[in-house]
PDB file of N, CA and C in Angstrom:
ATOM      1  N   GLY A   1       0.793  -1.171   0.000  1.00  0.00           N
ATOM      2  CA  GLY A   1       0.000   0.000   0.000  1.00  0.00           C
ATOM      3  C   GLY A   1       0.859   1.268   0.000  1.00  0.00           C
ATOM      4  N   VAL A   2       1.973   1.238   0.729  1.00  0.00           N
ATOM      5  CA  VAL A   2       2.844   2.410   0.812  1.00  0.00           C
ATOM      6  C   VAL A   2       3.457   2.684  -0.558  1.00  0.00           C
ATOM      7  N   GLN A   3       3.916   1.633  -1.224  1.00  0.00           N
ATOM      8  CA  GLN A   3       4.496   1.821  -2.556  1.00  0.00           C
ATOM      9  C   GLN A   3       3.441   2.310  -3.548  1.00  0.00           C
ATOM     10  N   GLN A   4       2.235   1.790  -3.428  1.00  0.00           N
ATOM     11  CA  GLN A   4       1.178   2.192  -4.347  1.00  0.00           C
ATOM     12  C   GLN A   4       0.829   3.669  -4.157  1.00  0.00           C
ATOM     13  N   ASN A   5       0.732   4.121  -2.920  1.00  0.00           N
ATOM     14  CA  ASN A   5       0.458   5.541  -2.665  1.00  0.00           C
ATOM     15  C   ASN A   5       1.583   6.423  -3.194  1.00  0.00           C
ATOM     16  N   PHE A   6       2.833   5.994  -3.015  1.00  0.00           N
ATOM     17  CA  PHE A   6       3.984   6.737  -3.522  1.00  0.00           C
ATOM     18  C   PHE A   6       3.939   6.803  -5.048  1.00  0.00           C
ATOM     19  N   ALA A   7       3.648   5.671  -5.690  1.00  0.00           N
ATOM     20  CA  ALA A   7       3.599   5.620  -7.157  1.00  0.00           C
ATOM     21  C   ALA A   7       2.513   6.554  -7.700  1.00  0.00           C
ATOM     22  N   ARG A   8       1.386   6.585  -7.043  1.00  0.00           N
ATOM     23  CA  ARG A   8       0.307   7.473  -7.507  1.00  0.00           C
ATOM     24  C   ARG A   8       0.650   8.943  -7.287  1.00  0.00           C
ATOM     25  N   ARG A   9       1.245   9.257  -6.130  1.00  0.00           N
ATOM     26  CA  ARG A   9       1.567  10.652  -5.805  1.00  0.00           C
ATOM     27  C   ARG A   9       2.588  11.224  -6.768  1.00  0.00           C
ATOM     28  N   TYR A  10       3.610  10.442  -7.131  1.00  0.00           N
ATOM     29  CA  TYR A  10       4.705  10.950  -7.961  1.00  0.00           C
ATOM     30  C   TYR A  10       4.678  10.396  -9.384  1.00  0.00           C
ATOM     31  N   THR A  11       3.602   9.763  -9.780  1.00  0.00           N
ATOM     32  CA  THR A  11       3.390   9.179 -11.113  1.00  0.00           C
ATOM     33  C   THR A  11       4.567   8.317 -11.576  1.00  0.00           C
ATOM     34  N   HIS A  12       4.908   7.345 -10.735  1.00  0.00           N
ATOM     35  CA  HIS A  12       5.903   6.342 -11.093  1.00  0.00           C
ATOM     36  C   HIS A  12       5.191   5.020 -11.326  1.00  0.00           C
ATOM     37  N   GLU A  13       5.808   4.167 -12.119  1.00  0.00           N
ATOM     38  CA  GLU A  13       5.277   2.821 -12.275  1.00  0.00           C
ATOM     39  C   GLU A  13       5.552   2.047 -10.993  1.00  0.00           C
ATOM     40  N   LEU A  14       4.579   1.281 -10.559  1.00  0.00           N
ATOM     41  CA  LEU A  14       4.729   0.521  -9.323  1.00  0.00           C
ATOM     42  C   LEU A  14       5.870  -0.488  -9.423  1.00  0.00           C
ATOM     43  N   ASP A  15       6.043  -1.075 -10.601  1.00  0.00           N
ATOM     44  CA  ASP A  15       7.108  -2.070 -10.798  1.00  0.00           C
ATOM     45  C   ASP A  15       8.495  -1.435 -10.820  1.00  0.00           C
ATOM     46  N   ALA A  16       8.569  -0.116 -10.976  1.00  0.00           N
ATOM     47  CA  ALA A  16       9.864   0.559 -11.057  1.00  0.00           C
ATOM     48  C   ALA A  16      10.299   1.120  -9.700  1.00  0.00           C
ATOM     49  N   LEU A  17       9.642   0.698  -8.622  1.00  0.00           N
ATOM     50  CA  LEU A  17      10.001   1.171  -7.286  1.00  0.00           C
ATOM     51  C   LEU A  17      10.743   0.092  -6.523  1.00  0.00           C
ATOM     52  N   GLN A  18      11.614   0.539  -5.650  1.00  0.00           N
ATOM     53  CA  GLN A  18      12.279  -0.380  -4.732  1.00  0.00           C
ATOM     54  C   GLN A  18      12.310   0.289  -3.362  1.00  0.00           C
ATOM     55  N   TRP A  19      12.661  -0.469  -2.331  1.00  0.00           N
ATOM     56  CA  TRP A  19      12.683   0.060  -0.961  1.00  0.00           C
ATOM     57  C   TRP A  19      14.055   0.597  -0.601  1.00  0.00           C
ATOM     58  N   HIS A  20      14.062   1.753  -0.008  1.00  0.00           N
ATOM     59  CA  HIS A  20      15.240   2.286   0.673  1.00  0.00           C
ATOM     60  C   HIS A  20      14.861   2.262   2.146  1.00  0.00           C
ATOM     61  N   PHE A  21      15.772   1.865   2.998  1.00  0.00           N
ATOM     62  CA  PHE A  21      15.443   1.822   4.417  1.00  0.00           C
ATOM     63  C   PHE A  21      16.556   2.467   5.220  1.00  0.00           C
ATOM     64  N   ALA A  22      16.175   3.061   6.331  1.00  0.00           N
ATOM     65  CA  ALA A  22      17.125   3.725   7.216  1.00  0.00           C
ATOM     66  C   ALA A  22      16.711   3.455   8.659  1.00  0.00           C
ATOM     67  N   VAL A  23      17.662   3.019   9.461  1.00  0.00           N
ATOM     68  CA  VAL A  23      17.421   2.815  10.886  1.00  0.00           C
ATOM     69  C   VAL A  23      17.451   4.187  11.548  1.00  0.00           C
ATOM     70  N   GLN A  24      16.408   4.510  12.293  1.00  0.00           N
ATOM     71  CA  GLN A  24      16.276   5.811  12.924  1.00  0.00           C
ATOM     72  C   GLN A  24      16.940   5.815  14.297  1.00  0.00           C
ATOM     73  N   ALA A  25      17.803   6.783  14.526  1.00  0.00           N
ATOM     74  CA  ALA A  25      18.481   6.904  15.814  1.00  0.00           C
ATOM     75  C   ALA A  25      17.643   7.764  16.747  1.00  0.00           C
ATOM     76  N   GLY A  26      17.796   7.554  18.020  1.00  0.00           N
ATOM     77  CA  GLY A  26      17.105   8.379  19.009  1.00  0.00           C
ATOM     78  C   GLY A  26      15.662   7.963  19.192  1.00  0.00           C
ATOM     79  N   GLU A  27      14.903   8.874  19.767  1.00  0.00           N
ATOM     80  CA  GLU A  27      13.497   8.603  20.035  1.00  0.00           C
ATOM     81  C   GLU A  27      12.693   8.607  18.736  1.00  0.00           C
ATOM     82  N   PRO A  28      11.783   7.640  18.581  1.00  0.00           N
ATOM     83  CA  PRO A  28      10.972   7.602  17.360  1.00  0.00           C
ATOM     84  C   PRO A  28       9.975   8.758  17.320  1.00  0.00           C
ATOM     85  N   SER A  29       9.696   9.221  16.136  1.00  0.00           N
ATOM     86  CA  SER A  29       8.729  10.286  15.939  1.00  0.00           C
ATOM     87  C   SER A  29       7.330   9.691  15.964  1.00  0.00           C
ATOM     88  N   HIS A  30       6.397  10.424  16.534  1.00  0.00           N
ATOM     89  CA  HIS A  30       5.006   9.966  16.552  1.00  0.00           C
ATOM     90  C   HIS A  30       4.231  10.498  15.352  1.00  0.00           C
ATOM     91  N   GLU A  31       4.869  11.337  14.562  1.00  0.00           N
ATOM     92  CA  GLU A  31       4.262  11.860  13.346  1.00  0.00           C
ATOM     93  C   GLU A  31       4.641  10.966  12.174  1.00  0.00           C
ATOM     94  N   PRO A  32       3.724  10.688  11.266  1.00  0.00           N
ATOM     95  CA  PRO A  32       4.078   9.872  10.102  1.00  0.00           C
ATOM     96  C   PRO A  32       5.006  10.645   9.169  1.00  0.00           C
ATOM     97  N   PRO A  33       5.881   9.939   8.448  1.00  0.00           N
ATOM     98  CA  PRO A  33       6.752  10.633   7.495  1.00  0.00           C
ATOM     99  C   PRO A  33       5.949  11.110   6.288  1.00  0.00           C
ATOM    100  N   ALA A  34       6.496  12.077   5.567  1.00  0.00           N
ATOM    101  CA  ALA A  34       5.825  12.580   4.369  1.00  0.00           C
ATOM    102  C   ALA A  34       5.687  11.480   3.322  1.00  0.00           C
ATOM    103  N   ASP A  35       6.718  10.661   3.180  1.00  0.00           N
ATOM    104  CA  ASP A  35       6.703   9.522   2.261  1.00  0.00           C
ATOM    105  C   ASP A  35       7.198   8.303   3.015  1.00  0.00           C
ATOM    106  N   GLY A  36       6.689   7.142   2.658  1.00  0.00           N
ATOM    107  CA  GLY A  36       7.127   5.913   3.297  1.00  0.00           C
ATOM    108  C   GLY A  36       6.385   5.658   4.600  1.00  0.00           C
ATOM    109  N   CYS A  37       6.984   4.815   5.437  1.00  0.00           N
ATOM    110  CA  CYS A  37       6.369   4.480   6.719  1.00  0.00           C
ATOM    111  C   CYS A  37       7.453   4.101   7.721  1.00  0.00           C
ATOM    112  N   TYR A  38       7.110   4.227   8.991  1.00  0.00           N
ATOM    113  CA  TYR A  38       7.990   3.790  10.064  1.00  0.00           C
ATOM    114  C   TYR A  38       7.549   2.399  10.505  1.00  0.00           C
ATOM    115  N   VAL A  39       8.512   1.526  10.732  1.00  0.00           N
ATOM    116  CA  VAL A  39       8.231   0.173  11.221  1.00  0.00           C
ATOM    117  C   VAL A  39       8.838   0.073  12.604  1.00  0.00           C
ATOM    118  N   HIS A  40       8.020  -0.267  13.573  1.00  0.00           N
ATOM    119  CA  HIS A  40       8.518  -0.421  14.936  1.00  0.00           C
ATOM    120  C   HIS A  40       7.991  -1.726  15.505  1.00  0.00           C
ATOM    121  N   GLY A  41       8.567  -2.155  16.603  1.00  0.00           N
ATOM    122  CA  GLY A  41       8.150  -3.403  17.223  1.00  0.00           C
ATOM    123  C   GLY A  41       8.957  -4.603  16.762  1.00  0.00           C
ATOM    124  N   LEU A  42      10.099  -4.372  16.100  1.00  0.00           N
ATOM    125  CA  LEU A  42      10.951  -5.471  15.659  1.00  0.00           C
ATOM    126  C   LEU A  42      11.909  -5.854  16.781  1.00  0.00           C
ATOM    127  N   TRP A  43      12.221  -7.136  16.859  1.00  0.00           N
ATOM    128  CA  TRP A  43      13.138  -7.652  17.873  1.00  0.00           C
ATOM    129  C   TRP A  43      14.194  -8.509  17.206  1.00  0.00           C
ATOM    130  N   LEU A  44      15.397  -8.496  17.756  1.00  0.00           N
ATOM    131  CA  LEU A  44      16.486  -9.353  17.300  1.00  0.00           C
ATOM    132  C   LEU A  44      16.622 -10.517  18.279  1.00  0.00           C
ATOM    133  N   GLN A  45      16.864 -11.695  17.765  1.00  0.00           N
ATOM    134  CA  GLN A  45      17.088 -12.852  18.620  1.00  0.00           C
ATOM    135  C   GLN A  45      18.537 -13.280  18.478  1.00  0.00           C
ATOM    136  N   GLY A  46      19.264 -13.270  19.582  1.00  0.00           N
ATOM    137  CA  GLY A  46      20.652 -13.716  19.582  1.00  0.00           C
ATOM    138  C   GLY A  46      21.607 -12.724  18.950  1.00  0.00           C
ATOM    139  N   ALA A  47      21.203 -11.470  18.845  1.00  0.00           N
ATOM    140  CA  ALA A  47      22.058 -10.429  18.271  1.00  0.00           C
ATOM    141  C   ALA A  47      21.725  -9.109  18.941  1.00  0.00           C
ATOM    142  N   GLY A  48      22.571  -8.132  18.723  1.00  0.00           N
ATOM    143  CA  GLY A  48      22.339  -6.798  19.243  1.00  0.00           C
ATOM    144  C   GLY A  48      22.477  -5.793  18.123  1.00  0.00           C
ATOM    145  N   PHE A  49      22.235  -4.540  18.443  1.00  0.00           N
ATOM    146  CA  PHE A  49      22.382  -3.469  17.456  1.00  0.00           C
ATOM    147  C   PHE A  49      23.259  -2.394  18.065  1.00  0.00           C
ATOM    148  N   ASP A  50      24.308  -2.013  17.350  1.00  0.00           N
ATOM    149  CA  ASP A  50      25.224  -0.973  17.803  1.00  0.00           C
ATOM    150  C   ASP A  50      24.831   0.335  17.125  1.00  0.00           C
ATOM    151  N   PRO A  51      24.247   1.288  17.863  1.00  0.00           N
ATOM    152  CA  PRO A  51      23.824   2.541  17.226  1.00  0.00           C
ATOM    153  C   PRO A  51      24.989   3.407  16.749  1.00  0.00           C
ATOM    154  N   ASP A  52      26.184   3.215  17.313  1.00  0.00           N
ATOM    155  CA  ASP A  52      27.336   4.013  16.884  1.00  0.00           C
ATOM    156  C   ASP A  52      27.780   3.658  15.476  1.00  0.00           C
ATOM    157  N   THR A  53      27.768   2.360  15.158  1.00  0.00           N
ATOM    158  CA  THR A  53      28.182   1.918  13.826  1.00  0.00           C
ATOM    159  C   THR A  53      26.995   1.674  12.897  1.00  0.00           C
ATOM    160  N   GLY A  54      25.782   1.601  13.472  1.00  0.00           N
ATOM    161  CA  GLY A  54      24.598   1.343  12.662  1.00  0.00           C
ATOM    162  C   GLY A  54      24.555  -0.062  12.109  1.00  0.00           C
ATOM    163  N   SER A  55      25.100  -1.027  12.874  1.00  0.00           N
ATOM    164  CA  SER A  55      25.139  -2.400  12.376  1.00  0.00           C
ATOM    165  C   SER A  55      24.830  -3.379  13.503  1.00  0.00           C
ATOM    166  N   LEU A  56      24.628  -4.615  13.105  1.00  0.00           N
ATOM    167  CA  LEU A  56      24.394  -5.673  14.084  1.00  0.00           C
ATOM    168  C   LEU A  56      25.684  -5.991  14.814  1.00  0.00           C
ATOM    169  N   CYS A  57      25.539  -6.474  16.031  1.00  0.00           N
ATOM    170  CA  CYS A  57      26.706  -6.836  16.819  1.00  0.00           C
ATOM    171  C   CYS A  57      26.355  -8.061  17.665  1.00  0.00           C
ATOM    172  N   GLU A  58      27.325  -8.520  18.423  1.00  0.00           N
ATOM    173  CA  GLU A  58      27.091  -9.653  19.319  1.00  0.00           C
ATOM    174  C   GLU A  58      26.077  -9.251  20.385  1.00  0.00           C
ATOM    175  N   ALA A  59      25.270 -10.207  20.790  1.00  0.00           N
ATOM    176  CA  ALA A  59      24.299  -9.953  21.853  1.00  0.00           C
ATOM    177  C   ALA A  59      25.018  -9.838  23.192  1.00  0.00           C
ATOM    178  N   GLU A  60      24.426  -9.081  24.097  1.00  0.00           N
ATOM    179  CA  GLU A  60      24.953  -9.001  25.453  1.00  0.00           C
ATOM    180  C   GLU A  60      24.822 -10.371  26.111  1.00  0.00           C
ATOM    181  N   PRO A  61      25.716 -10.698  27.029  1.00  0.00           N
ATOM    182  CA  PRO A  61      25.618 -12.004  27.693  1.00  0.00           C
ATOM    183  C   PRO A  61      24.258 -12.183  28.381  1.00  0.00           C
ATOM    184  N   LYS A  62      23.682 -13.345  28.196  1.00  0.00           N
ATOM    185  CA  LYS A  62      22.414 -13.762  28.798  1.00  0.00           C
ATOM    186  C   LYS A  62      21.221 -12.921  28.357  1.00  0.00           C
ATOM    187  N   VAL A  63      21.349 -12.223  27.241  1.00  0.00           N
ATOM    188  CA  VAL A  63      20.230 -11.468  26.669  1.00  0.00           C
ATOM    189  C   VAL A  63      19.864 -12.139  25.356  1.00  0.00           C
ATOM    190  N   LEU A  64      18.678 -12.766  25.323  1.00  0.00           N
ATOM    191  CA  LEU A  64      18.270 -13.499  24.127  1.00  0.00           C
ATOM    192  C   LEU A  64      17.596 -12.582  23.113  1.00  0.00           C
ATOM    193  N   PHE A  65      16.755 -11.646  23.570  1.00  0.00           N
ATOM    194  CA  PHE A  65      16.030 -10.761  22.664  1.00  0.00           C
ATOM    195  C   PHE A  65      16.439  -9.319  22.909  1.00  0.00           C
ATOM    196  N   THR A  66      16.653  -8.575  21.815  1.00  0.00           N
ATOM    197  CA  THR A  66      17.003  -7.162  21.879  1.00  0.00           C
ATOM    198  C   THR A  66      16.049  -6.402  20.973  1.00  0.00           C
ATOM    199  N   GLU A  67      15.493  -5.293  21.472  1.00  0.00           N
ATOM    200  CA  GLU A  67      14.598  -4.488  20.650  1.00  0.00           C
ATOM    201  C   GLU A  67      15.395  -3.769  19.556  1.00  0.00           C
ATOM    202  N   PHE A  68      14.883  -3.820  18.339  1.00  0.00           N
ATOM    203  CA  PHE A  68      15.524  -3.168  17.202  1.00  0.00           C
ATOM    204  C   PHE A  68      14.960  -1.757  17.070  1.00  0.00           C
ATOM    205  N   PRO A  69      15.775  -0.770  16.691  1.00  0.00           N
ATOM    206  CA  PRO A  69      15.256   0.599  16.530  1.00  0.00           C
ATOM    207  C   PRO A  69      14.226   0.696  15.406  1.00  0.00           C
ATOM    208  N   VAL A  70      13.561   1.810  15.364  1.00  0.00           N
ATOM    209  CA  VAL A  70      12.555   2.079  14.331  1.00  0.00           C
ATOM    210  C   VAL A  70      13.248   2.148  12.969  1.00  0.00           C
ATOM    211  N   VAL A  71      12.604   1.561  11.964  1.00  0.00           N
ATOM    212  CA  VAL A  71      13.135   1.554  10.598  1.00  0.00           C
ATOM    213  C   VAL A  71      12.197   2.382   9.721  1.00  0.00           C
ATOM    214  N   TRP A  72      12.779   3.278   8.931  1.00  0.00           N
ATOM    215  CA  TRP A  72      12.001   4.079   7.987  1.00  0.00           C
ATOM    216  C   TRP A  72      12.102   3.403   6.630  1.00  0.00           C
ATOM    217  N   LEU A  73      10.970   2.957   6.098  1.00  0.00           N
ATOM    218  CA  LEU A  73      10.909   2.372   4.762  1.00  0.00           C
ATOM    219  C   LEU A  73      10.429   3.443   3.790  1.00  0.00           C
ATOM    220  N   LEU A  74      11.221   3.683   2.772  1.00  0.00           N
ATOM    221  CA  LEU A  74      10.911   4.727   1.804  1.00  0.00           C
ATOM    222  C   LEU A  74      10.975   4.154   0.399  1.00  0.00           C
ATOM    223  N   PRO A  75       9.883   4.195  -0.351  1.00  0.00           N
ATOM    224  CA  PRO A  75       9.944   3.767  -1.744  1.00  0.00           C
ATOM    225  C   PRO A  75      10.743   4.776  -2.568  1.00  0.00           C
ATOM    226  N   VAL A  76      11.574   4.284  -3.451  1.00  0.00           N
ATOM    227  CA  VAL A  76      12.334   5.141  -4.358  1.00  0.00           C
ATOM    228  C   VAL A  76      12.229   4.573  -5.767  1.00  0.00           C
ATOM    229  N   ALA A  77      12.304   5.450  -6.737  1.00  0.00           N
ATOM    230  CA  ALA A  77      12.249   5.024  -8.134  1.00  0.00           C
ATOM    231  C   ALA A  77      13.604   4.462  -8.537  1.00  0.00           C
ATOM    232  N   CYS A  78      13.596   3.319  -9.180  1.00  0.00           N
ATOM    233  CA  CYS A  78      14.833   2.723  -9.687  1.00  0.00           C
ATOM    234  C   CYS A  78      15.302   3.527 -10.898  1.00  0.00           C
ATOM    235  N   PRO A  79      16.598   3.737 -11.007  1.00  0.00           N
ATOM    236  CA  PRO A  79      17.074   4.414 -12.220  1.00  0.00           C
ATOM    237  C   PRO A  79      16.823   3.527 -13.445  1.00  0.00           C
ATOM    238  N   ALA A  80      16.524   4.169 -14.541  1.00  0.00           N
ATOM    239  CA  ALA A  80      16.283   3.422 -15.781  1.00  0.00           C
ATOM    240  C   ALA A  80      17.593   2.773 -16.230  1.00  0.00           C
ATOM    241  N   PRO A  81      17.546   1.499 -16.613  1.00  0.00           N
ATOM    242  CA  PRO A  81      18.778   0.844 -17.076  1.00  0.00           C
ATOM    243  C   PRO A  81      19.233   1.429 -18.396  1.00  0.00           C
ATOM    244  N   ASN A  82      20.533   1.513 -18.555  1.00  0.00           N
ATOM    245  CA  ASN A  82      21.097   1.986 -19.823  1.00  0.00           C
ATOM    246  C   ASN A  82      20.921   0.893 -20.871  1.00  0.00           C
ATOM    247  N   PRO A  83      20.322   1.222 -21.981  1.00  0.00           N
ATOM    248  CA  PRO A  83      20.156   0.180 -23.000  1.00  0.00           C
ATOM    249  C   PRO A  83      21.511  -0.218 -23.570  1.00  0.00           C
ATOM    250  N   ALA A  84      21.745  -1.511 -23.612  1.00  0.00           N
ATOM    251  CA  ALA A  84      23.003  -2.014 -24.165  1.00  0.00           C
ATOM    252  C   ALA A  84      22.973  -1.875 -25.682  1.00  0.00           C
ATOM    253  N   PRO A  85      24.081  -1.484 -26.264  1.00  0.00           N
ATOM    254  CA  PRO A  85      24.075  -1.392 -27.737  1.00  0.00           C
ATOM    255  C   PRO A  85      23.916  -2.800 -28.337  1.00  0.00           C
ATOM    256  N   ASP A  86      23.174  -2.841 -29.404  1.00  0.00           N
ATOM    257  CA  ASP A  86      22.966  -4.129 -30.069  1.00  0.00           C
ATOM    258  C   ASP A  86      24.272  -4.584 -30.701  1.00  0.00           C
ATOM    259  N   ALA A  87      24.642  -5.793 -30.395  1.00  0.00           N
ATOM    260  CA  ALA A  87      25.871  -6.352 -30.966  1.00  0.00           C
ATOM    261  C   ALA A  87      25.495  -7.023 -32.302  1.00  0.00           C
ATOM    262  N   ALA A  88      26.139  -6.571 -33.345  1.00  0.00           N
ATOM    263  CA  ALA A  88      25.892  -7.176 -34.653  1.00  0.00           C
ATOM    264  C   ALA A  88      26.835  -8.351 -34.851  1.00  0.00           C
ATOM    265  N   PRO A  89      26.338  -9.450 -35.392  1.00  0.00           N
ATOM    266  CA  PRO A  89      27.231 -10.598 -35.608  1.00  0.00           C
ATOM    267  C   PRO A  89      28.222 -10.359 -36.726  1.00  0.00           C
TER     268      PRO A  89
END
């Protein structure tokens, strides 16, 4: 639904969209983004998240589940592929 709304708003083909995602640092916003959506409520099992490097890390000892930060999913238009020149035999 998010991609479809984006495609209609900016007149892109739905098949020409892909997801860009960004992990949000700090406190999550309670306002919806202008484009895309925020995903919250994700958990990591057997891993942790290092906000300084923005990557997964080893889990803390004796901690099985770690809450994952809010993720912003944003549809973006894929660049048009460059047409390859026709190779003549």
